[in-house]
């Protein structure tokens, strides 16, 4: 999303889990910012695996007009969790 190698942005050392309090620094612009700057609308679909601990890391604060998906990589499409990360039965 940045056009940079992960090891140059601090993202190569670990996966961003649902309980992680870190992510890709907001000092890095994403391709969504560049596209928005020239008039494109931008939309993200899928797993957002570059950080979600604070709202400034969320896709709609990183240049995307909309987002539909999961904010964490520590979940699969077969796993479903509720607000306190306890498994949902059903």
PDB file of N, CA and C in Angstrom:
ATOM      1  N   UNK A   1       0.802  -1.205   0.000  1.00  0.00           N
ATOM      2  CA  UNK A   1       0.000   0.000   0.000  1.00  0.00           C
ATOM      3  C   UNK A   1       0.842   1.265   0.000  1.00  0.00           C
ATOM      4  N   UNK A   2       2.093   1.149   0.437  1.00  0.00           N
ATOM      5  CA  UNK A   2       2.972   2.322   0.485  1.00  0.00           C
ATOM      6  C   UNK A   2       3.908   2.384  -0.721  1.00  0.00           C
ATOM      7  N   UNK A   3       4.117   1.252  -1.367  1.00  0.00           N
ATOM      8  CA  UNK A   3       5.123   1.189  -2.425  1.00  0.00           C
ATOM      9  C   UNK A   3       6.518   0.969  -1.874  1.00  0.00           C
ATOM     10  N   UNK A   4       6.621   0.732  -0.575  1.00  0.00           N
ATOM     11  CA  UNK A   4       7.914   0.516   0.083  1.00  0.00           C
ATOM     12  C   UNK A   4       8.013  -0.933   0.558  1.00  0.00           C
ATOM     13  N   UNK A   5       9.217  -1.416   0.701  1.00  0.00           N
ATOM     14  CA  UNK A   5       9.425  -2.733   1.278  1.00  0.00           C
ATOM     15  C   UNK A   5       9.021  -2.713   2.752  1.00  0.00           C
ATOM     16  N   UNK A   6       8.372  -3.786   3.243  1.00  0.00           N
ATOM     17  CA  UNK A   6       7.923  -3.808   4.641  1.00  0.00           C
ATOM     18  C   UNK A   6       9.037  -3.541   5.654  1.00  0.00           C
ATOM     19  N   UNK A   7      10.245  -4.025   5.400  1.00  0.00           N
ATOM     20  CA  UNK A   7      11.315  -3.831   6.381  1.00  0.00           C
ATOM     21  C   UNK A   7      11.732  -2.365   6.489  1.00  0.00           C
ATOM     22  N   UNK A   8      11.392  -1.536   5.510  1.00  0.00           N
ATOM     23  CA  UNK A   8      11.742  -0.114   5.588  1.00  0.00           C
ATOM     24  C   UNK A   8      10.695   0.698   6.348  1.00  0.00           C
ATOM     25  N   UNK A   9       9.541   0.080   6.631  1.00  0.00           N
ATOM     26  CA  UNK A   9       8.467   0.794   7.320  1.00  0.00           C
ATOM     27  C   UNK A   9       8.197   0.258   8.722  1.00  0.00           C
ATOM     28  N   UNK A  10       8.966  -0.756   9.143  1.00  0.00           N
ATOM     29  CA  UNK A  10       8.754  -1.335  10.466  1.00  0.00           C
ATOM     30  C   UNK A  10       7.685  -2.404  10.506  1.00  0.00           C
ATOM     31  N   UNK A  11       7.249  -2.882   9.354  1.00  0.00           N
ATOM     32  CA  UNK A  11       6.155  -3.853   9.307  1.00  0.00           C
ATOM     33  C   UNK A  11       6.619  -5.289   9.074  1.00  0.00           C
ATOM     34  N   UNK A  12       7.904  -5.541   9.009  1.00  0.00           N
ATOM     35  CA  UNK A  12       8.390  -6.868   8.666  1.00  0.00           C
ATOM     36  C   UNK A  12       8.623  -7.772   9.864  1.00  0.00           C
ATOM     37  N   UNK A  13       8.574  -7.250  11.079  1.00  0.00           N
ATOM     38  CA  UNK A  13       8.993  -8.038  12.233  1.00  0.00           C
ATOM     39  C   UNK A  13       7.887  -8.895  12.836  1.00  0.00           C
ATOM     40  N   UNK A  14       6.635  -8.608  12.561  1.00  0.00           N
ATOM     41  CA  UNK A  14       5.557  -9.371  13.178  1.00  0.00           C
ATOM     42  C   UNK A  14       4.248  -9.095  12.452  1.00  0.00           C
ATOM     43  N   UNK A  15       3.266  -9.924  12.752  1.00  0.00           N
ATOM     44  CA  UNK A  15       1.927  -9.734  12.211  1.00  0.00           C
ATOM     45  C   UNK A  15       1.152  -8.813  13.152  1.00  0.00           C
ATOM     46  N   UNK A  16       0.246  -8.017  12.630  1.00  0.00           N
ATOM     47  CA  UNK A  16      -0.597  -7.163  13.460  1.00  0.00           C
ATOM     48  C   UNK A  16      -1.792  -7.996  13.920  1.00  0.00           C
ATOM     49  N   UNK A  17      -1.783  -8.375  15.181  1.00  0.00           N
ATOM     50  CA  UNK A  17      -2.866  -9.203  15.734  1.00  0.00           C
ATOM     51  C   UNK A  17      -4.015  -8.325  16.203  1.00  0.00           C
ATOM     52  N   UNK A  18      -5.138  -8.930  16.539  1.00  0.00           N
ATOM     53  CA  UNK A  18      -6.298  -8.145  16.980  1.00  0.00           C
ATOM     54  C   UNK A  18      -6.004  -7.366  18.255  1.00  0.00           C
ATOM     55  N   UNK A  19      -5.061  -7.835  19.055  1.00  0.00           N
ATOM     56  CA  UNK A  19      -4.720  -7.157  20.312  1.00  0.00           C
ATOM     57  C   UNK A  19      -3.505  -6.237  20.165  1.00  0.00           C
ATOM     58  N   UNK A  20      -2.948  -6.129  18.976  1.00  0.00           N
ATOM     59  CA  UNK A  20      -1.746  -5.307  18.767  1.00  0.00           C
ATOM     60  C   UNK A  20      -2.057  -3.821  18.929  1.00  0.00           C
ATOM     61  N   UNK A  21      -1.123  -3.123  19.528  1.00  0.00           N
ATOM     62  CA  UNK A  21      -1.296  -1.676  19.696  1.00  0.00           C
ATOM     63  C   UNK A  21      -0.363  -0.895  18.761  1.00  0.00           C
ATOM     64  N   UNK A  22       0.056  -1.500  17.686  1.00  0.00           N
ATOM     65  CA  UNK A  22       0.958  -0.868  16.735  1.00  0.00           C
ATOM     66  C   UNK A  22       0.468  -1.150  15.312  1.00  0.00           C
ATOM     67  N   UNK A  23       1.031  -0.478  14.368  1.00  0.00           N
ATOM     68  CA  UNK A  23       0.717  -0.687  12.965  1.00  0.00           C
ATOM     69  C   UNK A  23       1.585   0.206  12.101  1.00  0.00           C
ATOM     70  N   UNK A  24       1.286   0.262  10.830  1.00  0.00           N
ATOM     71  CA  UNK A  24       2.026   1.118   9.918  1.00  0.00           C
ATOM     72  C   UNK A  24       1.854   2.569  10.345  1.00  0.00           C
ATOM     73  N   UNK A  25       2.950   3.231  10.542  1.00  0.00           N
ATOM     74  CA  UNK A  25       2.907   4.620  11.000  1.00  0.00           C
ATOM     75  C   UNK A  25       2.112   5.485  10.018  1.00  0.00           C
ATOM     76  N   UNK A  26       1.358   6.411  10.567  1.00  0.00           N
ATOM     77  CA  UNK A  26       0.576   7.316   9.726  1.00  0.00           C
ATOM     78  C   UNK A  26       1.457   8.349   9.024  1.00  0.00           C
ATOM     79  N   UNK A  27       2.757   8.325   9.281  1.00  0.00           N
ATOM     80  CA  UNK A  27       3.668   9.215   8.554  1.00  0.00           C
ATOM     81  C   UNK A  27       3.817   8.777   7.105  1.00  0.00           C
ATOM     82  N   UNK A  28       3.450   7.519   6.796  1.00  0.00           N
ATOM     83  CA  UNK A  28       3.547   7.007   5.433  1.00  0.00           C
ATOM     84  C   UNK A  28       2.234   7.229   4.695  1.00  0.00           C
ATOM     85  N   UNK A  29       2.331   7.863   3.530  1.00  0.00           N
ATOM     86  CA  UNK A  29       1.160   7.986   2.670  1.00  0.00           C
ATOM     87  C   UNK A  29       0.927   6.666   1.957  1.00  0.00           C
ATOM     88  N   UNK A  30      -0.335   6.369   1.696  1.00  0.00           N
ATOM     89  CA  UNK A  30      -0.705   5.166   0.976  1.00  0.00           C
ATOM     90  C   UNK A  30      -1.097   5.526  -0.454  1.00  0.00           C
ATOM     91  N   UNK A  31      -1.166   4.533  -1.301  1.00  0.00           N
ATOM     92  CA  UNK A  31      -1.572   4.768  -2.680  1.00  0.00           C
ATOM     93  C   UNK A  31      -2.965   5.393  -2.734  1.00  0.00           C
ATOM     94  N   UNK A  32      -3.789   5.093  -1.748  1.00  0.00           N
ATOM     95  CA  UNK A  32      -5.133   5.674  -1.697  1.00  0.00           C
ATOM     96  C   UNK A  32      -5.071   7.195  -1.559  1.00  0.00           C
ATOM     97  N   UNK A  33      -4.094   7.706  -0.816  1.00  0.00           N
ATOM     98  CA  UNK A  33      -3.921   9.153  -0.692  1.00  0.00           C
ATOM     99  C   UNK A  33      -3.551   9.774  -2.036  1.00  0.00           C
ATOM    100  N   UNK A  34      -2.637   9.150  -2.738  1.00  0.00           N
ATOM    101  CA  UNK A  34      -2.196   9.672  -4.033  1.00  0.00           C
ATOM    102  C   UNK A  34      -3.345   9.659  -5.043  1.00  0.00           C
ATOM    103  N   UNK A  35      -4.126   8.592  -5.038  1.00  0.00           N
ATOM    104  CA  UNK A  35      -5.254   8.513  -5.972  1.00  0.00           C
ATOM    105  C   UNK A  35      -6.342   9.526  -5.633  1.00  0.00           C
ATOM    106  N   UNK A  36      -6.615   9.700  -4.357  1.00  0.00           N
ATOM    107  CA  UNK A  36      -7.611  10.686  -3.930  1.00  0.00           C
ATOM    108  C   UNK A  36      -7.181  12.100  -4.315  1.00  0.00           C
ATOM    109  N   UNK A  37      -5.889  12.365  -4.209  1.00  0.00           N
ATOM    110  CA  UNK A  37      -5.367  13.694  -4.512  1.00  0.00           C
ATOM    111  C   UNK A  37      -5.593  14.104  -5.971  1.00  0.00           C
ATOM    112  N   UNK A  38      -5.703  13.115  -6.856  1.00  0.00           N
ATOM    113  CA  UNK A  38      -5.912  13.435  -8.278  1.00  0.00           C
ATOM    114  C   UNK A  38      -7.344  13.147  -8.726  1.00  0.00           C
ATOM    115  N   UNK A  39      -8.248  12.970  -7.750  1.00  0.00           N
ATOM    116  CA  UNK A  39      -9.663  12.907  -8.082  1.00  0.00           C
ATOM    117  C   UNK A  39     -10.320  11.540  -8.138  1.00  0.00           C
ATOM    118  N   UNK A  40      -9.581  10.481  -7.887  1.00  0.00           N
ATOM    119  CA  UNK A  40     -10.175   9.147  -7.896  1.00  0.00           C
ATOM    120  C   UNK A  40     -10.932   8.890  -6.592  1.00  0.00           C
ATOM    121  N   UNK A  41     -11.976   8.081  -6.663  1.00  0.00           N
ATOM    122  CA  UNK A  41     -12.590   7.582  -5.435  1.00  0.00           C
ATOM    123  C   UNK A  41     -11.900   6.271  -5.097  1.00  0.00           C
ATOM    124  N   UNK A  42     -11.735   6.005  -3.813  1.00  0.00           N
ATOM    125  CA  UNK A  42     -10.973   4.827  -3.385  1.00  0.00           C
ATOM    126  C   UNK A  42     -11.796   4.005  -2.410  1.00  0.00           C
ATOM    127  N   UNK A  43     -11.725   2.694  -2.564  1.00  0.00           N
ATOM    128  CA  UNK A  43     -12.502   1.781  -1.732  1.00  0.00           C
ATOM    129  C   UNK A  43     -11.649   0.559  -1.427  1.00  0.00           C
ATOM    130  N   UNK A  44     -11.670   0.118  -0.188  1.00  0.00           N
ATOM    131  CA  UNK A  44     -10.893  -1.054   0.232  1.00  0.00           C
ATOM    132  C   UNK A  44     -11.863  -2.158   0.643  1.00  0.00           C
ATOM    133  N   UNK A  45     -11.567  -3.372   0.199  1.00  0.00           N
ATOM    134  CA  UNK A  45     -12.377  -4.545   0.542  1.00  0.00           C
ATOM    135  C   UNK A  45     -11.420  -5.643   0.965  1.00  0.00           C
ATOM    136  N   UNK A  46     -11.688  -6.263   2.125  1.00  0.00           N
ATOM    137  CA  UNK A  46     -10.879  -7.388   2.567  1.00  0.00           C
ATOM    138  C   UNK A  46     -10.320  -7.197   3.962  1.00  0.00           C
ATOM    139  N   UNK A  47      -9.153  -7.802   4.202  1.00  0.00           N
ATOM    140  CA  UNK A  47      -8.510  -7.694   5.511  1.00  0.00           C
ATOM    141  C   UNK A  47      -7.609  -6.473   5.548  1.00  0.00           C
ATOM    142  N   UNK A  48      -7.737  -5.692   6.568  1.00  0.00           N
ATOM    143  CA  UNK A  48      -6.871  -4.534   6.772  1.00  0.00           C
ATOM    144  C   UNK A  48      -5.820  -4.956   7.782  1.00  0.00           C
ATOM    145  N   UNK A  49      -4.645  -5.283   7.308  1.00  0.00           N
ATOM    146  CA  UNK A  49      -3.646  -5.879   8.192  1.00  0.00           C
ATOM    147  C   UNK A  49      -2.436  -4.979   8.426  1.00  0.00           C
ATOM    148  N   UNK A  50      -2.658  -3.663   8.438  1.00  0.00           N
ATOM    149  CA  UNK A  50      -1.535  -2.754   8.701  1.00  0.00           C
ATOM    150  C   UNK A  50      -1.769  -1.909   9.951  1.00  0.00           C
ATOM    151  N   UNK A  51      -2.723  -2.315  10.789  1.00  0.00           N
ATOM    152  CA  UNK A  51      -2.926  -1.640  12.063  1.00  0.00           C
ATOM    153  C   UNK A  51      -4.327  -1.090  12.238  1.00  0.00           C
ATOM    154  N   UNK A  52      -4.804  -1.171  13.471  1.00  0.00           N
ATOM    155  CA  UNK A  52      -6.162  -0.726  13.774  1.00  0.00           C
ATOM    156  C   UNK A  52      -6.314  -0.257  15.225  1.00  0.00           C
ATOM    157  N   UNK A  53      -5.216  -0.111  15.940  1.00  0.00           N
ATOM    158  CA  UNK A  53      -5.266   0.195  17.372  1.00  0.00           C
ATOM    159  C   UNK A  53      -5.908   1.545  17.665  1.00  0.00           C
ATOM    160  N   UNK A  54      -5.704   2.503  16.792  1.00  0.00           N
ATOM    161  CA  UNK A  54      -6.340   3.817  16.928  1.00  0.00           C
ATOM    162  C   UNK A  54      -7.047   4.135  15.610  1.00  0.00           C
ATOM    163  N   UNK A  55      -8.079   4.926  15.679  1.00  0.00           N
ATOM    164  CA  UNK A  55      -8.891   5.197  14.489  1.00  0.00           C
ATOM    165  C   UNK A  55      -8.108   5.858  13.361  1.00  0.00           C
ATOM    166  N   UNK A  56      -7.034   6.563  13.681  1.00  0.00           N
ATOM    167  CA  UNK A  56      -6.226   7.178  12.626  1.00  0.00           C
ATOM    168  C   UNK A  56      -5.536   6.145  11.743  1.00  0.00           C
ATOM    169  N   UNK A  57      -5.485   4.889  12.185  1.00  0.00           N
ATOM    170  CA  UNK A  57      -4.894   3.813  11.379  1.00  0.00           C
ATOM    171  C   UNK A  57      -5.931   3.127  10.493  1.00  0.00           C
ATOM    172  N   UNK A  58      -7.194   3.406  10.682  1.00  0.00           N
ATOM    173  CA  UNK A  58      -8.256   2.731   9.938  1.00  0.00           C
ATOM    174  C   UNK A  58      -8.266   3.165   8.475  1.00  0.00           C
ATOM    175  N   UNK A  59      -8.745   2.307   7.584  1.00  0.00           N
ATOM    176  CA  UNK A  59      -8.710   2.609   6.145  1.00  0.00           C
ATOM    177  C   UNK A  59      -9.355   3.936   5.761  1.00  0.00           C
ATOM    178  N   UNK A  60     -10.475   4.276   6.375  1.00  0.00           N
ATOM    179  CA  UNK A  60     -11.157   5.514   5.998  1.00  0.00           C
ATOM    180  C   UNK A  60     -10.451   6.759   6.522  1.00  0.00           C
ATOM    181  N   UNK A  61      -9.449   6.561   7.356  1.00  0.00           N
ATOM    182  CA  UNK A  61      -8.603   7.683   7.797  1.00  0.00           C
ATOM    183  C   UNK A  61      -7.252   7.678   7.073  1.00  0.00           C
ATOM    184  N   UNK A  62      -7.080   6.665   6.202  1.00  0.00           N
ATOM    185  CA  UNK A  62      -5.820   6.540   5.458  1.00  0.00           C
ATOM    186  C   UNK A  62      -6.028   6.748   3.962  1.00  0.00           C
ATOM    187  N   UNK A  63      -7.079   7.475   3.602  1.00  0.00           N
ATOM    188  CA  UNK A  63      -7.268   7.829   2.196  1.00  0.00           C
ATOM    189  C   UNK A  63      -8.349   7.068   1.467  1.00  0.00           C
ATOM    190  N   UNK A  64      -8.916   6.046   2.077  1.00  0.00           N
ATOM    191  CA  UNK A  64      -9.993   5.298   1.423  1.00  0.00           C
ATOM    192  C   UNK A  64     -11.341   5.935   1.742  1.00  0.00           C
ATOM    193  N   UNK A  65     -12.185   6.061   0.733  1.00  0.00           N
ATOM    194  CA  UNK A  65     -13.518   6.631   0.916  1.00  0.00           C
ATOM    195  C   UNK A  65     -14.435   5.676   1.663  1.00  0.00           C
ATOM    196  N   UNK A  66     -14.220   4.385   1.459  1.00  0.00           N
ATOM    197  CA  UNK A  66     -15.045   3.389   2.152  1.00  0.00           C
ATOM    198  C   UNK A  66     -14.221   2.134   2.391  1.00  0.00           C
ATOM    199  N   UNK A  67     -14.683   1.319   3.318  1.00  0.00           N
ATOM    200  CA  UNK A  67     -14.015   0.058   3.653  1.00  0.00           C
ATOM    201  C   UNK A  67     -15.062  -0.971   4.049  1.00  0.00           C
ATOM    202  N   UNK A  68     -14.927  -2.175   3.521  1.00  0.00           N
ATOM    203  CA  UNK A  68     -15.769  -3.301   3.898  1.00  0.00           C
ATOM    204  C   UNK A  68     -14.851  -4.487   4.120  1.00  0.00           C
ATOM    205  N   UNK A  69     -14.761  -4.963   5.357  1.00  0.00           N
ATOM    206  CA  UNK A  69     -13.887  -6.093   5.613  1.00  0.00           C
ATOM    207  C   UNK A  69     -13.536  -6.241   7.072  1.00  0.00           C
ATOM    208  N   UNK A  70     -12.404  -6.867   7.322  1.00  0.00           N
ATOM    209  CA  UNK A  70     -11.923  -7.163   8.662  1.00  0.00           C
ATOM    210  C   UNK A  70     -10.740  -6.262   8.990  1.00  0.00           C
ATOM    211  N   UNK A  71     -10.709  -5.747  10.212  1.00  0.00           N
ATOM    212  CA  UNK A  71      -9.612  -4.879  10.620  1.00  0.00           C
ATOM    213  C   UNK A  71      -8.402  -5.645  11.141  1.00  0.00           C
ATOM    214  N   UNK A  72      -8.468  -6.952  11.252  1.00  0.00           N
ATOM    215  CA  UNK A  72      -7.382  -7.721  11.823  1.00  0.00           C
ATOM    216  C   UNK A  72      -7.067  -8.932  10.968  1.00  0.00           C
ATOM    217  N   UNK A  73      -5.813  -9.331  10.953  1.00  0.00           N
ATOM    218  CA  UNK A  73      -5.424 -10.533  10.213  1.00  0.00           C
ATOM    219  C   UNK A  73      -5.535 -11.783  11.065  1.00  0.00           C
ATOM    220  N   UNK A  74      -5.724 -11.640  12.348  1.00  0.00           N
ATOM    221  CA  UNK A  74      -5.741 -12.782  13.260  1.00  0.00           C
ATOM    222  C   UNK A  74      -7.137 -13.404  13.321  1.00  0.00           C
ATOM    223  N   UNK A  75      -7.761 -13.513  12.171  1.00  0.00           N
ATOM    224  CA  UNK A  75      -9.102 -14.086  12.074  1.00  0.00           C
ATOM    225  C   UNK A  75      -9.261 -14.610  10.653  1.00  0.00           C
ATOM    226  N   UNK A  76     -10.053 -15.634  10.495  1.00  0.00           N
ATOM    227  CA  UNK A  76     -10.331 -16.144   9.161  1.00  0.00           C
ATOM    228  C   UNK A  76     -11.795 -15.887   8.834  1.00  0.00           C
ATOM    229  N   UNK A  77     -12.142 -16.135   7.617  1.00  0.00           N
ATOM    230  CA  UNK A  77     -13.532 -15.936   7.222  1.00  0.00           C
ATOM    231  C   UNK A  77     -14.448 -16.970   7.871  1.00  0.00           C
ATOM    232  N   UNK A  78     -13.882 -18.041   8.433  1.00  0.00           N
ATOM    233  CA  UNK A  78     -14.668 -19.046   9.119  1.00  0.00           C
ATOM    234  C   UNK A  78     -14.811 -18.754  10.610  1.00  0.00           C
ATOM    235  N   UNK A  79     -13.985 -17.892  11.177  1.00  0.00           N
ATOM    236  CA  UNK A  79     -14.053 -17.534  12.590  1.00  0.00           C
ATOM    237  C   UNK A  79     -14.877 -16.265  12.743  1.00  0.00           C
ATOM    238  N   UNK A  80     -15.720 -16.255  13.753  1.00  0.00           N
ATOM    239  CA  UNK A  80     -16.529 -15.069  14.003  1.00  0.00           C
ATOM    240  C   UNK A  80     -16.441 -14.716  15.477  1.00  0.00           C
ATOM    241  N   UNK A  81     -16.104 -13.469  15.760  1.00  0.00           N
ATOM    242  CA  UNK A  81     -15.941 -13.007  17.130  1.00  0.00           C
ATOM    243  C   UNK A  81     -16.837 -11.801  17.377  1.00  0.00           C
ATOM    244  N   UNK A  82     -17.196 -11.649  18.612  1.00  0.00           N
ATOM    245  CA  UNK A  82     -17.993 -10.486  18.991  1.00  0.00           C
ATOM    246  C   UNK A  82     -17.083  -9.438  19.612  1.00  0.00           C
ATOM    247  N   UNK A  83     -17.662  -8.450  20.205  1.00  0.00           N
ATOM    248  CA  UNK A  83     -16.957  -7.256  20.684  1.00  0.00           C
ATOM    249  C   UNK A  83     -15.809  -7.539  21.640  1.00  0.00           C
ATOM    250  N   UNK A  84     -15.900  -8.550  22.455  1.00  0.00           N
ATOM    251  CA  UNK A  84     -14.835  -8.852  23.409  1.00  0.00           C
ATOM    252  C   UNK A  84     -13.918  -9.964  22.904  1.00  0.00           C
ATOM    253  N   UNK A  85     -13.981 -10.255  21.621  1.00  0.00           N
ATOM    254  CA  UNK A  85     -13.169 -11.275  20.957  1.00  0.00           C
ATOM    255  C   UNK A  85     -13.434 -12.684  21.461  1.00  0.00           C
ATOM    256  N   UNK A  86     -14.618 -12.932  22.043  1.00  0.00           N
ATOM    257  CA  UNK A  86     -14.981 -14.295  22.389  1.00  0.00           C
ATOM    258  C   UNK A  86     -15.706 -14.899  21.193  1.00  0.00           C
ATOM    259  N   UNK A  87     -15.466 -16.193  20.905  1.00  0.00           N
ATOM    260  CA  UNK A  87     -16.100 -16.817  19.739  1.00  0.00           C
ATOM    261  C   UNK A  87     -17.631 -16.756  19.828  1.00  0.00           C
ATOM    262  N   UNK A  88     -18.238 -16.517  18.697  1.00  0.00           N
ATOM    263  CA  UNK A  88     -19.689 -16.503  18.596  1.00  0.00           C
ATOM    264  C   UNK A  88     -20.136 -17.919  18.268  1.00  0.00           C
ATOM    265  N   UNK A  89     -21.063 -18.447  19.034  1.00  0.00           N
ATOM    266  CA  UNK A  89     -21.567 -19.806  18.797  1.00  0.00           C
ATOM    267  C   UNK A  89     -22.757 -19.753  17.871  1.00  0.00           C
ATOM    268  N   UNK A  90     -22.820 -20.746  17.015  1.00  0.00           N
ATOM    269  CA  UNK A  90     -23.986 -20.764  16.133  1.00  0.00           C
ATOM    270  C   UNK A  90     -23.786 -21.473  14.871  1.00  0.00           C
TER     271      UNK A  90
END
